[in-house]
Amino acid sequence: MSTIAQTTTGSGGFDWTKYIAVPGGIVMVLALGAYLVGIIRPLSIRKPLARIEGALTYLTVPVKNRSMLYDRNVERIALVRIPGWFRRTFTRWRSVAQPADLVPYGELIPKANAPFKLSKREVRTFELELRPITKGAVLGDRHRVEVWSGHQRSRAKKIELIR
């Protein structure tokens, strides 16, 4: 006479894969659904472009609210210099203060006390001027742009330079 455990596994042991794979699959489907709906990483940057006109550098940042459920506030746009792969992998470079060499400037720049509201699935383009703080600072290959809404941030996107 065979038991349920013997018919499912083929041997006389207890099958633990059902108790690991089924909850793991449920968590995976819920996390993927939350990402696709826009609960996880609700803001995205489409294709940031930088153009140089004489001594000035202008940055165009299209920002999209990915959330299908909520309106989001864009509180800040940050220009971040990504370190090399070794420092990025083995140190906490995000939690350490970074020296600013280029600062976004403009009339329509989002601030924490005056954020821009994006409705559901809306795309808004921000036009900014990059002003150097240190002498000789230029926009390089390691510069990325991020958008923040409260404590949530978008992925850092590489800036394409138009000449």
C-alpha atoms as a PDB file:
ATOM      1  CA  MET A   1       0.000   0.000   0.000  1.00  0.00           C
ATOM      2  CA  SER A   2       1.488   3.356  -0.998  1.00  0.00           C
ATOM      3  CA  THR A   3       1.165   6.643   0.827  1.00  0.00           C
ATOM      4  CA  ILE A   4       0.784  10.131  -0.615  1.00  0.00           C
ATOM      5  CA  ALA A   5       4.472  10.921   0.038  1.00  0.00           C
ATOM      6  CA  GLN A   6       5.565   7.802  -1.817  1.00  0.00           C
ATOM      7  CA  THR A   7       3.427   8.553  -4.860  1.00  0.00           C
ATOM      8  CA  THR A   8       4.596  12.165  -5.199  1.00  0.00           C
ATOM      9  CA  THR A   9       8.330  11.618  -4.766  1.00  0.00           C
ATOM     10  CA  GLY A  10       8.749   8.090  -5.985  1.00  0.00           C
ATOM     11  CA  SER A  11      10.619   7.223  -2.811  1.00  0.00           C
ATOM     12  CA  GLY A  12       9.525   6.916   0.750  1.00  0.00           C
ATOM     13  CA  GLY A  13      10.675  10.465   1.771  1.00  0.00           C
ATOM     14  CA  PHE A  14       8.823  13.717   2.295  1.00  0.00           C
ATOM     15  CA  ASP A  15       8.860  16.170  -0.646  1.00  0.00           C
ATOM     16  CA  TRP A  16      10.092  19.583   0.586  1.00  0.00           C
ATOM     17  CA  THR A  17      10.251  21.127  -2.896  1.00  0.00           C
ATOM     18  CA  LYS A  18       6.530  21.863  -2.859  1.00  0.00           C
ATOM     19  CA  TYR A  19       6.919  23.790   0.384  1.00  0.00           C
ATOM     20  CA  ILE A  20       9.822  25.863  -0.946  1.00  0.00           C
ATOM     21  CA  ALA A  21       8.918  26.313  -4.629  1.00  0.00           C
ATOM     22  CA  VAL A  22       5.255  27.273  -4.235  1.00  0.00           C
ATOM     23  CA  PRO A  23       5.758  30.149  -1.724  1.00  0.00           C
ATOM     24  CA  GLY A  24       8.870  31.246  -3.638  1.00  0.00           C
ATOM     25  CA  GLY A  25       6.879  31.364  -6.862  1.00  0.00           C
ATOM     26  CA  ILE A  26       4.100  33.352  -5.195  1.00  0.00           C
ATOM     27  CA  VAL A  27       6.597  35.914  -3.847  1.00  0.00           C
ATOM     28  CA  MET A  28       8.249  36.169  -7.270  1.00  0.00           C
ATOM     29  CA  VAL A  29       4.930  36.807  -9.031  1.00  0.00           C
ATOM     30  CA  LEU A  30       3.901  39.424  -6.429  1.00  0.00           C
ATOM     31  CA  ALA A  31       7.259  41.247  -6.658  1.00  0.00           C
ATOM     32  CA  LEU A  32       7.210  41.248 -10.471  1.00  0.00           C
ATOM     33  CA  GLY A  33       3.618  42.501 -10.462  1.00  0.00           C
ATOM     34  CA  ALA A  34       4.488  45.279  -7.986  1.00  0.00           C
ATOM     35  CA  TYR A  35       7.378  46.364 -10.212  1.00  0.00           C
ATOM     36  CA  LEU A  36       5.277  46.328 -13.384  1.00  0.00           C
ATOM     37  CA  VAL A  37       2.430  48.292 -11.782  1.00  0.00           C
ATOM     38  CA  GLY A  38       4.896  50.868 -10.464  1.00  0.00           C
ATOM     39  CA  ILE A  39       4.820  50.321  -6.724  1.00  0.00           C
ATOM     40  CA  ILE A  40       8.536  49.419  -6.775  1.00  0.00           C
ATOM     41  CA  ARG A  41      10.651  52.118  -8.529  1.00  0.00           C
ATOM     42  CA  PRO A  42       7.722  54.382  -9.426  1.00  0.00           C
ATOM     43  CA  LEU A  43       9.779  56.964 -11.349  1.00  0.00           C
ATOM     44  CA  SER A  44      11.817  56.325 -14.453  1.00  0.00           C
ATOM     45  CA  ILE A  45      14.032  58.478 -16.617  1.00  0.00           C
ATOM     46  CA  ARG A  46      13.519  58.004 -20.324  1.00  0.00           C
ATOM     47  CA  LYS A  47      16.621  59.277 -22.184  1.00  0.00           C
ATOM     48  CA  PRO A  48      18.581  62.126 -20.615  1.00  0.00           C
ATOM     49  CA  LEU A  49      20.337  64.300 -23.169  1.00  0.00           C
ATOM     50  CA  ALA A  50      23.068  66.879 -22.624  1.00  0.00           C
ATOM     51  CA  ARG A  51      24.057  69.507 -25.157  1.00  0.00           C
ATOM     52  CA  ILE A  52      26.963  71.913 -24.995  1.00  0.00           C
ATOM     53  CA  GLU A  53      26.418  75.447 -26.286  1.00  0.00           C
ATOM     54  CA  GLY A  54      29.606  77.436 -25.909  1.00  0.00           C
ATOM     55  CA  ALA A  55      30.606  77.404 -22.238  1.00  0.00           C
ATOM     56  CA  LEU A  56      27.156  76.261 -21.029  1.00  0.00           C
ATOM     57  CA  THR A  57      25.900  72.688 -20.675  1.00  0.00           C
ATOM     58  CA  TYR A  58      22.163  72.015 -20.819  1.00  0.00           C
ATOM     59  CA  LEU A  59      20.545  68.813 -19.582  1.00  0.00           C
ATOM     60  CA  THR A  60      17.146  67.538 -20.710  1.00  0.00           C
ATOM     61  CA  VAL A  61      15.627  64.939 -18.380  1.00  0.00           C
ATOM     62  CA  PRO A  62      12.303  63.282 -19.347  1.00  0.00           C
ATOM     63  CA  VAL A  63      10.762  61.756 -16.198  1.00  0.00           C
ATOM     64  CA  LYS A  64       7.862  59.279 -16.231  1.00  0.00           C
ATOM     65  CA  ASN A  65       5.606  58.273 -13.381  1.00  0.00           C
ATOM     66  CA  ARG A  66       5.362  54.493 -13.851  1.00  0.00           C
ATOM     67  CA  SER A  67       2.665  54.062 -11.242  1.00  0.00           C
ATOM     68  CA  MET A  68      -0.795  53.103 -12.450  1.00  0.00           C
ATOM     69  CA  LEU A  69      -2.240  53.672  -8.980  1.00  0.00           C
ATOM     70  CA  TYR A  70      -0.802  56.879  -7.495  1.00  0.00           C
ATOM     71  CA  ASP A  71       0.327  60.392  -8.349  1.00  0.00           C
ATOM     72  CA  ARG A  72       3.987  61.036  -7.482  1.00  0.00           C
ATOM     73  CA  ASN A  73       5.969  64.133  -6.541  1.00  0.00           C
ATOM     74  CA  VAL A  74       9.356  64.776  -8.141  1.00  0.00           C
ATOM     75  CA  GLU A  75      11.321  66.307  -5.279  1.00  0.00           C
ATOM     76  CA  ARG A  76      14.830  66.440  -6.686  1.00  0.00           C
ATOM     77  CA  ILE A  77      17.004  65.661  -9.653  1.00  0.00           C
ATOM     78  CA  ALA A  78      20.509  64.572  -8.715  1.00  0.00           C
ATOM     79  CA  LEU A  79      23.625  64.343 -10.819  1.00  0.00           C
ATOM     80  CA  VAL A  80      25.797  61.506  -9.476  1.00  0.00           C
ATOM     81  CA  ARG A  81      29.310  60.462 -10.405  1.00  0.00           C
ATOM     82  CA  ILE A  82      29.559  56.662 -10.351  1.00  0.00           C
ATOM     83  CA  PRO A  83      32.900  55.308  -9.027  1.00  0.00           C
ATOM     84  CA  GLY A  84      34.879  52.544 -10.699  1.00  0.00           C
ATOM     85  CA  TRP A  85      33.715  48.939 -10.506  1.00  0.00           C
ATOM     86  CA  PHE A  86      35.958  48.008  -7.555  1.00  0.00           C
ATOM     87  CA  ARG A  87      34.861  50.903  -5.337  1.00  0.00           C
ATOM     88  CA  ARG A  88      31.250  50.521  -6.446  1.00  0.00           C
ATOM     89  CA  THR A  89      31.282  46.826  -5.554  1.00  0.00           C
ATOM     90  CA  PHE A  90      33.180  46.815  -2.256  1.00  0.00           C
ATOM     91  CA  THR A  91      32.357  50.143  -0.574  1.00  0.00           C
ATOM     92  CA  ARG A  92      29.250  51.999   0.554  1.00  0.00           C
ATOM     93  CA  TRP A  93      29.740  54.865  -1.885  1.00  0.00           C
ATOM     94  CA  ARG A  94      26.066  55.957  -1.863  1.00  0.00           C
ATOM     95  CA  SER A  95      25.964  56.607   1.870  1.00  0.00           C
ATOM     96  CA  VAL A  96      29.147  58.722   1.865  1.00  0.00           C
ATOM     97  CA  ALA A  97      28.888  62.396   0.941  1.00  0.00           C
ATOM     98  CA  GLN A  98      30.028  63.055  -2.613  1.00  0.00           C
ATOM     99  CA  PRO A  99      31.733  66.289  -3.627  1.00  0.00           C
ATOM    100  CA  ALA A 100      29.646  68.188  -6.169  1.00  0.00           C
ATOM    101  CA  ASP A 101      31.419  69.359  -9.294  1.00  0.00           C
ATOM    102  CA  LEU A 102      28.359  70.063 -11.470  1.00  0.00           C
ATOM    103  CA  VAL A 103      25.094  71.392 -10.046  1.00  0.00           C
ATOM    104  CA  PRO A 104      21.727  71.395 -11.898  1.00  0.00           C
ATOM    105  CA  TYR A 105      20.288  74.897 -12.054  1.00  0.00           C
ATOM    106  CA  GLY A 106      17.088  76.278 -13.531  1.00  0.00           C
ATOM    107  CA  GLU A 107      13.770  77.938 -12.878  1.00  0.00           C
ATOM    108  CA  LEU A 108      11.752  74.754 -13.253  1.00  0.00           C
ATOM    109  CA  ILE A 109      13.904  72.505 -11.103  1.00  0.00           C
ATOM    110  CA  PRO A 110      12.047  70.429  -8.486  1.00  0.00           C
ATOM    111  CA  LYS A 111      12.808  71.184  -4.851  1.00  0.00           C
ATOM    112  CA  ALA A 112      11.829  69.356  -1.669  1.00  0.00           C
ATOM    113  CA  ASN A 113       9.676  72.267  -0.493  1.00  0.00           C
ATOM    114  CA  ALA A 114       8.159  72.842  -3.960  1.00  0.00           C
ATOM    115  CA  PRO A 115       7.912  69.466  -5.755  1.00  0.00           C
ATOM    116  CA  PHE A 116       6.394  68.863  -9.179  1.00  0.00           C
ATOM    117  CA  LYS A 117       3.400  66.550  -9.218  1.00  0.00           C
ATOM    118  CA  LEU A 118       3.203  63.848 -11.879  1.00  0.00           C
ATOM    119  CA  SER A 119      -0.164  62.220 -12.372  1.00  0.00           C
ATOM    120  CA  LYS A 120      -0.535  58.540 -13.214  1.00  0.00           C
ATOM    121  CA  ARG A 121       1.635  57.489 -16.194  1.00  0.00           C
ATOM    122  CA  GLU A 122       2.529  61.122 -17.020  1.00  0.00           C
ATOM    123  CA  VAL A 123       5.830  62.103 -18.656  1.00  0.00           C
ATOM    124  CA  ARG A 124       7.350  65.536 -17.964  1.00  0.00           C
ATOM    125  CA  THR A 125      10.589  66.909 -19.399  1.00  0.00           C
ATOM    126  CA  PHE A 126      12.856  69.046 -17.231  1.00  0.00           C
ATOM    127  CA  GLU A 127      15.320  71.415 -18.894  1.00  0.00           C
ATOM    128  CA  LEU A 128      18.286  72.220 -16.636  1.00  0.00           C
ATOM    129  CA  GLU A 129      21.560  74.058 -16.894  1.00  0.00           C
ATOM    130  CA  LEU A 130      24.640  72.398 -15.395  1.00  0.00           C
ATOM    131  CA  ARG A 131      26.880  74.864 -13.601  1.00  0.00           C
ATOM    132  CA  PRO A 132      30.405  73.872 -12.559  1.00  0.00           C
ATOM    133  CA  ILE A 133      31.357  74.287  -8.905  1.00  0.00           C
ATOM    134  CA  THR A 134      35.005  73.331  -9.310  1.00  0.00           C
ATOM    135  CA  LYS A 135      37.154  74.865 -12.004  1.00  0.00           C
ATOM    136  CA  GLY A 136      37.403  72.698 -15.107  1.00  0.00           C
ATOM    137  CA  ALA A 137      34.513  70.371 -14.205  1.00  0.00           C
ATOM    138  CA  VAL A 138      32.988  68.746 -17.278  1.00  0.00           C
ATOM    139  CA  LEU A 139      30.273  66.175 -17.854  1.00  0.00           C
ATOM    140  CA  GLY A 140      31.974  62.792 -18.130  1.00  0.00           C
ATOM    141  CA  ASP A 141      31.171  59.156 -18.851  1.00  0.00           C
ATOM    142  CA  ARG A 142      30.698  58.356 -15.161  1.00  0.00           C
ATOM    143  CA  HIS A 143      27.999  60.957 -14.545  1.00  0.00           C
ATOM    144  CA  ARG A 144      24.447  59.654 -14.122  1.00  0.00           C
ATOM    145  CA  VAL A 145      21.159  61.378 -13.395  1.00  0.00           C
ATOM    146  CA  GLU A 146      18.623  60.246 -10.784  1.00  0.00           C
ATOM    147  CA  VAL A 147      15.160  61.442  -9.803  1.00  0.00           C
ATOM    148  CA  TRP A 148      13.859  61.257  -6.238  1.00  0.00           C
ATOM    149  CA  SER A 149      10.324  61.085  -4.879  1.00  0.00           C
ATOM    150  CA  GLY A 150      10.510  61.018  -1.102  1.00  0.00           C
ATOM    151  CA  HIS A 151      12.799  58.144  -0.142  1.00  0.00           C
ATOM    152  CA  GLN A 152      12.309  56.341  -3.466  1.00  0.00           C
ATOM    153  CA  ARG A 153      14.668  56.980  -6.345  1.00  0.00           C
ATOM    154  CA  SER A 154      14.807  56.045  -9.978  1.00  0.00           C
ATOM    155  CA  ARG A 155      17.588  54.047 -11.504  1.00  0.00           C
ATOM    156  CA  ALA A 156      20.656  56.076 -12.390  1.00  0.00           C
ATOM    157  CA  LYS A 157      20.618  56.686 -16.141  1.00  0.00           C
ATOM    158  CA  LYS A 158      23.620  57.469 -18.295  1.00  0.00           C
ATOM    159  CA  ILE A 159      23.551  60.853 -19.993  1.00  0.00           C
ATOM    160  CA  GLU A 160      23.891  60.960 -23.766  1.00  0.00           C
ATOM    161  CA  LEU A 161      25.985  63.869 -24.972  1.00  0.00           C
ATOM    162  CA  ILE A 162      24.853  65.657 -28.137  1.00  0.00           C
ATOM    163  CA  ARG A 163      27.545  67.669 -29.853  1.00  0.00           C
END
